[in-house]
Protein backbone atom coordinates (compact mmCIF):
# COMPACT_ATOMS: atom_id res chain seq x y z
CA MET A 1 -41.79 -121.77 -30.34
CA ILE A 2 -43.55 -121.07 -33.23
CA THR A 3 -44.42 -117.83 -33.48
CA SER A 4 -40.35 -117.27 -32.86
CA LEU A 5 -40.50 -118.53 -36.52
CA PHE A 6 -41.63 -115.41 -37.68
CA LYS A 7 -39.18 -113.02 -36.34
CA ASN A 8 -38.30 -111.09 -39.05
CA THR A 9 -34.97 -114.08 -40.79
CA LEU A 10 -34.58 -115.51 -43.53
CA LEU A 11 -36.05 -118.23 -42.74
CA SER A 12 -39.65 -116.95 -41.54
CA TYR A 13 -39.58 -115.38 -45.25
CA LEU A 14 -38.76 -119.04 -46.49
CA ILE A 15 -41.68 -120.40 -44.49
CA ILE A 16 -44.34 -117.38 -45.40
CA ILE A 17 -43.53 -117.78 -49.43
CA LEU A 18 -44.09 -121.65 -49.55
CA THR A 19 -47.40 -121.94 -47.35
CA ALA A 20 -48.13 -119.30 -49.86
CA ILE A 21 -47.84 -121.25 -53.31
CA GLY A 22 -49.05 -123.93 -51.31
CA LEU A 23 -52.36 -122.22 -49.78
CA TRP A 24 -53.00 -120.91 -53.56
CA GLY A 25 -51.41 -123.18 -55.27
CA PHE A 26 -53.83 -126.17 -54.11
CA ALA A 27 -56.22 -123.56 -55.46
CA PHE A 28 -54.66 -123.59 -58.91
CA PHE A 29 -54.40 -127.30 -59.46
CA THR A 30 -58.11 -127.84 -57.91
CA THR A 31 -59.92 -125.58 -60.48
CA HIS A 32 -60.85 -127.19 -63.86
CA PRO A 33 -58.38 -125.77 -66.37
CA SER A 34 -62.20 -124.59 -68.28
CA ALA A 35 -63.14 -122.11 -65.14
CA ILE A 36 -63.83 -118.72 -65.39
CA VAL A 37 -64.03 -116.01 -62.81
CA SER A 38 -66.10 -112.31 -63.45
CA ILE A 39 -64.76 -109.16 -63.05
CA ASP A 40 -67.34 -106.66 -62.54
CA PHE A 41 -67.65 -102.78 -62.92
CA ALA A 42 -70.15 -100.63 -64.39
CA ASN A 43 -73.21 -103.76 -64.19
CA GLU A 44 -70.25 -105.17 -66.79
CA SER A 45 -68.42 -108.48 -66.67
CA TYR A 46 -65.03 -109.55 -67.61
CA HIS A 47 -64.05 -112.59 -68.48
CA LEU A 48 -60.51 -114.47 -67.36
CA SER A 49 -59.43 -117.72 -66.60
CA LYS A 50 -59.92 -118.50 -63.42
CA LYS A 51 -56.37 -120.46 -63.48
CA ALA A 52 -54.82 -117.11 -64.69
CA ALA A 53 -56.62 -115.12 -62.08
CA ILE A 54 -54.91 -117.37 -59.48
CA ILE A 55 -51.68 -116.96 -61.14
CA ILE A 56 -52.12 -112.88 -60.89
CA SER A 57 -53.56 -112.82 -57.13
CA PHE A 58 -51.03 -115.13 -55.90
CA PHE A 59 -48.23 -112.76 -57.10
CA ALA A 60 -50.18 -109.35 -56.87
CA THR A 61 -51.58 -110.17 -52.97
CA LEU A 62 -47.16 -111.41 -52.38
CA ILE A 63 -46.08 -107.99 -53.63
CA SER A 64 -48.54 -105.57 -51.48
CA ALA A 65 -48.24 -107.85 -48.62
CA PHE A 66 -44.43 -107.87 -48.36
CA PHE A 67 -44.47 -104.02 -49.49
CA LEU A 68 -47.01 -103.06 -46.45
CA ASN A 69 -44.64 -105.61 -43.74
CA TYR A 70 -42.06 -103.45 -44.62
CA ARG A 71 -43.55 -99.99 -43.52
CA VAL A 72 -44.52 -102.14 -40.54
CA ASN A 73 -41.93 -103.38 -39.76
CA LYS A 74 -39.89 -99.30 -40.07
CA PHE A 75 -42.07 -98.25 -38.02
CA LEU A 76 -41.14 -101.14 -35.53
CA PHE A 77 -44.00 -101.32 -33.81
CA SER A 78 -42.53 -103.60 -31.83
CA TYR A 79 -39.17 -103.73 -30.53
CA GLU A 80 -38.01 -106.67 -32.00
CA PRO A 81 -39.21 -106.81 -36.05
CA ASN A 82 -41.51 -109.85 -37.34
CA ASN A 83 -42.78 -110.74 -39.75
CA LEU A 84 -46.49 -111.98 -38.38
CA PHE A 85 -48.37 -109.43 -40.08
CA LEU A 86 -47.57 -110.52 -43.57
CA TRP A 87 -48.16 -114.39 -42.49
CA PHE A 88 -51.94 -113.57 -41.23
CA TYR A 89 -52.46 -111.45 -43.95
CA LEU A 90 -51.56 -114.19 -47.17
CA LEU A 91 -53.89 -116.85 -44.35
CA PHE A 92 -56.07 -114.72 -44.37
CA PHE A 93 -56.94 -113.12 -47.92
CA SER A 94 -56.57 -117.32 -49.36
CA VAL A 95 -59.62 -117.55 -48.18
CA GLU A 96 -61.52 -115.52 -51.13
CA LEU A 97 -59.61 -117.44 -52.96
CA SER A 98 -63.01 -120.31 -53.36
CA ASN A 99 -64.83 -116.86 -54.13
CA SER A 100 -65.55 -115.94 -57.65
CA SER A 101 -63.84 -112.35 -57.34
CA PHE A 102 -61.01 -112.72 -55.46
CA LEU A 103 -59.87 -110.46 -58.50
CA VAL A 104 -61.36 -107.84 -57.55
CA TYR A 105 -61.03 -108.14 -53.83
CA ASP A 106 -56.43 -108.12 -54.90
CA VAL A 107 -57.69 -104.38 -56.87
CA VAL A 108 -59.47 -103.25 -54.00
CA SER A 109 -56.60 -105.26 -51.27
CA PHE A 110 -54.26 -102.73 -52.65
CA LEU A 111 -55.29 -99.71 -53.30
CA LEU A 112 -56.15 -100.49 -49.68
CA ILE A 113 -52.10 -101.31 -48.54
CA ILE A 114 -51.81 -98.06 -50.98
CA PHE A 115 -54.38 -95.48 -48.78
CA VAL A 116 -52.57 -97.18 -44.68
CA TYR A 117 -48.99 -96.99 -46.20
CA TYR A 118 -50.17 -92.75 -47.50
CA LEU A 119 -52.23 -92.57 -43.23
CA LEU A 120 -48.51 -94.47 -41.97
CA SER A 121 -46.16 -91.91 -43.55
CA PHE A 122 -48.32 -88.24 -41.56
CA ILE A 123 -46.37 -88.71 -38.04
CA SER A 124 -43.39 -88.44 -39.88
CA SER A 125 -43.92 -86.26 -43.10
CA LYS A 126 -43.92 -82.48 -42.33
CA GLU A 127 -45.26 -81.62 -46.60
CA SER A 128 -47.99 -84.35 -46.90
CA LYS A 129 -50.38 -82.38 -48.61
CA ASN A 130 -49.90 -84.71 -52.48
CA HIS A 131 -50.40 -87.83 -49.30
CA VAL A 132 -53.36 -86.08 -48.41
CA PHE A 133 -54.38 -85.82 -51.47
CA ASN A 134 -53.97 -89.10 -52.51
CA SER A 135 -55.73 -90.79 -50.07
CA ALA A 136 -58.42 -89.37 -50.79
CA PHE A 137 -58.97 -90.05 -54.26
CA ILE A 138 -58.25 -93.35 -53.33
CA ILE A 139 -61.18 -93.66 -51.37
CA GLY A 140 -63.44 -91.83 -54.38
CA VAL A 141 -62.37 -94.73 -56.80
CA LEU A 142 -63.02 -97.24 -53.85
CA CYS A 143 -66.44 -95.86 -53.83
CA PHE A 144 -67.03 -97.10 -57.03
CA HIS A 145 -66.52 -101.00 -55.48
CA ASN A 146 -68.89 -100.13 -51.94
CA VAL A 147 -70.22 -96.64 -51.36
CA PHE A 148 -70.01 -97.07 -47.86
CA PHE A 149 -65.69 -96.47 -48.24
CA ALA A 150 -66.30 -93.29 -47.95
CA LEU A 151 -66.77 -93.64 -44.21
CA PHE A 152 -63.04 -93.87 -44.35
CA LEU A 153 -62.94 -89.98 -45.46
CA LEU A 154 -63.54 -89.84 -41.77
CA LEU A 155 -60.08 -91.96 -40.22
CA LEU A 156 -58.04 -89.93 -43.35
CA ILE A 157 -59.50 -86.57 -41.06
CA HIS A 158 -58.42 -88.22 -38.62
CA ASN A 159 -55.55 -88.88 -39.29
CA LEU A 160 -55.34 -85.77 -40.39
CA SER A 161 -55.99 -84.53 -37.19
CA THR A 162 -52.99 -85.88 -34.48
CA THR A 163 -50.23 -84.34 -36.39
CA ARG A 164 -51.83 -81.01 -37.28
CA ARG A 165 -54.67 -77.99 -37.14
CA VAL A 166 -57.26 -79.81 -40.10
CA GLY A 167 -58.64 -76.33 -41.11
CA ILE A 168 -61.05 -75.64 -44.36
CA SER A 169 -57.78 -75.46 -46.88
CA GLU A 170 -57.20 -79.59 -45.24
CA LEU A 171 -60.66 -80.03 -46.24
CA MET A 172 -61.44 -78.37 -49.20
CA LEU A 173 -57.99 -80.76 -50.28
CA ILE A 174 -59.63 -84.16 -49.52
CA LEU A 175 -63.06 -83.65 -50.88
CA THR A 176 -61.28 -82.86 -53.73
CA GLY A 177 -59.26 -85.56 -54.20
CA PHE A 178 -62.44 -87.49 -52.70
CA ALA A 179 -64.67 -85.61 -55.74
CA ILE A 180 -62.26 -86.35 -58.83
CA PRO A 181 -62.64 -89.35 -59.35
CA ILE A 182 -66.61 -89.78 -58.79
CA LEU A 183 -66.49 -86.22 -61.20
CA LEU A 184 -63.93 -87.56 -64.35
CA VAL A 185 -66.47 -90.90 -64.08
CA PHE A 186 -69.33 -89.16 -63.97
CA SER A 187 -68.23 -87.06 -66.89
CA LEU A 188 -67.52 -89.65 -68.45
CA SER A 189 -71.11 -91.68 -68.06
CA ILE A 190 -73.00 -88.24 -70.05
CA LEU A 191 -70.18 -88.36 -72.84
CA THR A 192 -70.75 -92.13 -73.41
CA ASP A 193 -74.29 -91.87 -72.67
CA ASN A 194 -73.76 -94.57 -70.47
CA ASP A 195 -75.80 -93.84 -66.86
CA LYS A 196 -74.48 -97.35 -66.06
CA LEU A 197 -71.22 -95.88 -65.07
CA ILE A 198 -72.26 -93.32 -62.33
CA GLY A 199 -75.18 -95.67 -61.68
CA THR A 200 -73.64 -97.91 -59.50
CA LEU A 201 -72.25 -94.88 -56.80
CA TRP A 202 -76.11 -96.02 -55.81
CA ASP A 203 -77.12 -99.31 -57.24
CA VAL A 204 -77.78 -100.92 -53.88
CA GLN A 205 -79.58 -103.88 -53.31
CA PHE A 206 -79.61 -104.85 -48.94
CA THR A 207 -81.08 -108.38 -48.30
CA SER A 208 -80.74 -110.72 -45.50
CA PRO A 209 -77.16 -110.67 -44.15
CA ASP A 210 -76.47 -114.71 -43.63
CA ILE A 211 -73.60 -115.86 -41.73
CA SER A 212 -72.77 -119.09 -40.62
CA TRP A 213 -71.49 -120.34 -37.03
CA LYS A 214 -67.57 -120.91 -38.30
CA PHE A 215 -68.05 -117.09 -39.35
CA ALA A 216 -69.25 -115.58 -36.23
CA VAL A 217 -67.31 -117.78 -34.10
CA PHE A 218 -63.31 -116.58 -36.34
CA ILE A 219 -64.38 -113.18 -36.29
CA ILE A 220 -64.90 -112.82 -32.85
CA ALA A 221 -62.57 -114.97 -31.55
CA ALA A 222 -59.16 -112.44 -33.91
CA PHE A 223 -61.29 -109.88 -32.81
CA LEU A 224 -60.52 -110.48 -29.05
CA PHE A 225 -56.97 -111.22 -29.73
CA ALA A 226 -57.58 -107.90 -32.09
CA LEU A 227 -58.27 -105.98 -28.98
CA ILE A 228 -56.04 -107.45 -26.05
CA GLY A 229 -53.08 -107.06 -29.12
CA PHE A 230 -53.87 -102.89 -29.52
CA GLN A 231 -53.79 -102.50 -24.69
CA LEU A 232 -50.61 -104.00 -25.41
CA ALA A 233 -49.39 -102.51 -27.95
CA SER A 234 -49.88 -99.06 -26.84
CA ASN A 235 -48.75 -100.15 -23.15
CA LYS A 236 -45.98 -100.77 -24.15
CA ARG A 237 -45.63 -97.63 -25.60
CA SER A 238 -46.75 -95.97 -23.47
CA GLY A 239 -45.27 -92.26 -22.16
CA THR A 240 -42.57 -93.06 -24.51
CA ASP A 241 -42.26 -93.05 -28.57
CA ILE A 242 -45.75 -91.02 -28.69
CA SER A 243 -45.26 -90.85 -32.84
CA VAL A 244 -45.93 -94.69 -32.17
CA LEU A 245 -48.54 -94.34 -30.09
CA LEU A 246 -50.23 -92.00 -32.00
CA LEU A 247 -49.41 -94.67 -34.98
CA VAL A 248 -51.35 -97.26 -32.91
CA ASN A 249 -54.54 -95.77 -31.60
CA ASN A 250 -54.72 -94.38 -35.64
CA LEU A 251 -54.77 -97.71 -36.79
CA PHE A 252 -57.05 -99.37 -34.28
CA VAL A 253 -59.26 -96.64 -35.47
CA TYR A 254 -58.97 -97.94 -38.93
CA LEU A 255 -60.33 -101.50 -37.59
CA LEU A 256 -62.62 -99.58 -35.86
CA ILE A 257 -63.51 -97.62 -39.57
CA SER A 258 -63.61 -101.45 -41.32
CA LEU A 259 -66.05 -102.48 -38.28
CA ALA A 260 -68.19 -99.98 -39.68
CA VAL A 261 -68.25 -100.32 -42.75
CA SER A 262 -68.70 -104.37 -42.63
CA VAL A 263 -71.98 -103.42 -40.49
CA PHE A 264 -73.10 -101.78 -44.03
CA SER A 265 -71.86 -104.05 -46.23
CA ILE A 266 -72.97 -107.33 -44.44
CA PHE A 267 -76.63 -106.29 -46.50
CA LEU A 268 -74.71 -106.33 -49.34
CA GLN A 269 -72.10 -108.87 -49.88
CA PRO A 270 -71.19 -112.35 -48.45
CA GLN A 271 -69.97 -112.62 -45.26
CA HIS A 272 -66.60 -114.17 -46.97
CA TYR A 273 -66.31 -110.22 -48.04
CA ILE A 274 -66.56 -109.00 -44.20
CA LEU A 275 -63.49 -111.06 -43.88
CA PHE A 276 -61.60 -109.06 -46.98
CA LEU A 277 -62.61 -106.31 -45.24
CA PHE A 278 -60.54 -107.14 -42.27
CA THR A 279 -58.09 -109.30 -43.26
CA LEU A 280 -55.60 -105.79 -43.22
CA PRO A 281 -56.38 -104.29 -40.03
CA LEU A 282 -57.17 -107.71 -38.26
CA SER A 283 -53.06 -109.31 -39.24
CA ILE A 284 -51.92 -106.20 -38.09
CA PHE A 285 -53.36 -106.39 -34.53
CA LEU A 286 -52.99 -109.61 -34.33
CA SER A 287 -49.09 -109.99 -35.77
CA PHE A 288 -49.26 -107.42 -32.12
CA PHE A 289 -50.61 -110.07 -29.86
CA PHE A 290 -48.78 -112.32 -30.77
CA SER A 291 -45.78 -110.97 -30.73
CA GLU A 292 -46.13 -109.06 -27.74
CA SER A 293 -48.24 -111.37 -25.44
CA THR A 294 -46.81 -113.21 -22.94
CA SER A 295 -49.19 -115.60 -22.03
CA LYS A 296 -48.56 -119.44 -21.99
CA TRP A 297 -51.67 -119.76 -24.16
CA LYS A 298 -50.49 -117.30 -26.92
CA GLU A 299 -49.37 -120.58 -29.22
CA LEU A 300 -51.92 -122.12 -28.63
CA ALA A 301 -54.03 -119.75 -29.31
CA PHE A 302 -51.57 -119.09 -32.51
CA VAL A 303 -53.06 -122.61 -33.54
CA ALA A 304 -56.67 -122.21 -32.88
CA VAL A 305 -56.27 -119.35 -35.08
CA ILE A 306 -55.16 -120.85 -37.85
CA ALA A 307 -56.76 -123.71 -37.66
CA LEU A 308 -60.54 -121.45 -37.79
CA THR A 309 -59.35 -120.40 -40.66
CA PHE A 310 -59.11 -123.32 -42.81
CA LEU A 311 -63.19 -124.09 -40.91
CA LEU A 312 -64.31 -120.88 -43.59
CA ARG A 313 -62.64 -122.50 -46.91
């Protein structure tokens, strides 16, 4: 069985690391030495050698993915810990290496992983005010990349409401955390007389989306398996392990909010950006599907998902 290779063993880590080296290594050696990538912020562009950016991306993606994979296994979403999330996360993110903005995606992904880490901590931590504030602060920062990340405030409030009653003090804490990075940039914009800084929040230009059939097939197939994975994980935890069941439901809301952000973003960004938005939640629920499913077609579906990612490259 192919999926059995991804149990939480040294062999699975070796397979995943070698695969990551192959994917990032291929991008590195096929890149022209003089190729440049840009990092855009506040209508300013910062340039970096693409080869150097690929090396930075490799370590940044690998470290952050290992970090969240550890958290996912720690909460025992599957009774037998596995590294399928880590596999899918690296596989999906490697598709973005063909995009000139992949280093920006690395930074945003790192912030999203920290955000999910905080969301997972609400269940086990009674004193989570710092986590709530930090989560809202991260959302505020993310809004300078994509203003529609503000929808994640709804996710934060929802996750918090599953463990306690959300009152005025909690809402004020969330709004304060969210507003601080915006106010800091606004103040800096005034002090430097540079309206481009704060202008990035409302500099939104809609265009007609261009979606290829390959991309549509991949998203539909991945979402189908992810939904089945959510159902399998929920049914297995129903009536027992209530805290883990709450986390599964909260992660599903994260997937839905990501879908809402994607619906708006498809009019602003290329189709590969939408895959980037789904990389984290889809990886989680696909890992649920392939670890919990008993279908005889599971292995074929596993190979099909991998093959579809290579069609997008």
